[in-house]
Structures are given as structure tokens and as C-alpha cells.
């Protein structure tokens, strides 16, 4: 039971990390485009 709980926690955190890694490029791209807006 305890081992299953730890395994599910590890899987959950690994999935969260994977989601962060996959969404990072789009977030960086939106930040870059936000800062590249002409100041005129």
C-alpha cells in the first residue's frame, strides 16, 4: 500500500514535470513575442 502510494506520487510529479517541459517553449515564445512588440 505504502509503495503504491509512493509510486503514484512519483508518477504524478513526473507527469507534471513533463507537462512543464512541453509547455515551456510556447511560453518562452509568447514572452519573446510580447517583448518584441514595437514600442512606437
Protein backbone atom coordinates (compact mmCIF):
# COMPACT_ATOMS: atom_id res chain seq x y z
CA UNK A 1 0.00 0.00 0.00
CA UNK A 2 2.73 2.46 1.00
CA UNK A 3 4.82 1.51 -2.02
CA UNK A 4 1.85 2.04 -4.35
CA UNK A 5 1.25 5.46 -2.82
CA UNK A 6 4.87 6.50 -3.35
CA UNK A 7 4.79 5.18 -6.90
CA UNK A 8 1.68 7.19 -7.74
CA UNK A 9 3.24 10.32 -6.23
CA UNK A 10 6.40 9.81 -8.31
CA UNK A 11 4.33 9.27 -11.46
CA UNK A 12 2.25 12.37 -10.74
CA UNK A 13 5.29 14.59 -10.23
CA UNK A 14 6.99 13.14 -13.30
CA UNK A 15 3.89 13.92 -15.37
CA UNK A 16 3.83 17.48 -14.03
CA UNK A 17 7.50 17.93 -14.95
CA UNK A 18 6.86 16.53 -18.45
CA UNK A 19 3.93 18.93 -18.94
CA UNK A 20 6.11 21.85 -17.83
CA UNK A 21 8.87 20.83 -20.25
CA UNK A 22 6.40 20.52 -23.13
CA UNK A 23 4.69 23.85 -22.47
CA UNK A 24 7.92 25.76 -21.80
CA UNK A 25 8.79 26.53 -25.49
CA UNK A 26 5.36 28.03 -26.19
CA UNK A 27 5.57 30.13 -23.03
CA UNK A 28 9.04 31.36 -23.96
CA UNK A 29 7.83 32.12 -27.49
CA UNK A 30 4.90 34.16 -26.21
CA UNK A 31 7.20 36.03 -23.82
CA UNK A 32 9.66 36.79 -26.63
CA UNK A 33 6.89 37.98 -28.95
CA UNK A 34 5.50 40.09 -26.10
CA UNK A 35 8.86 41.82 -25.64
CA UNK A 36 9.44 42.13 -29.40
CA UNK A 37 6.34 44.32 -29.84
CA UNK A 38 7.41 47.63 -31.41
CA UNK A 39 7.48 50.44 -28.88
CA UNK A 40 6.24 53.05 -31.37
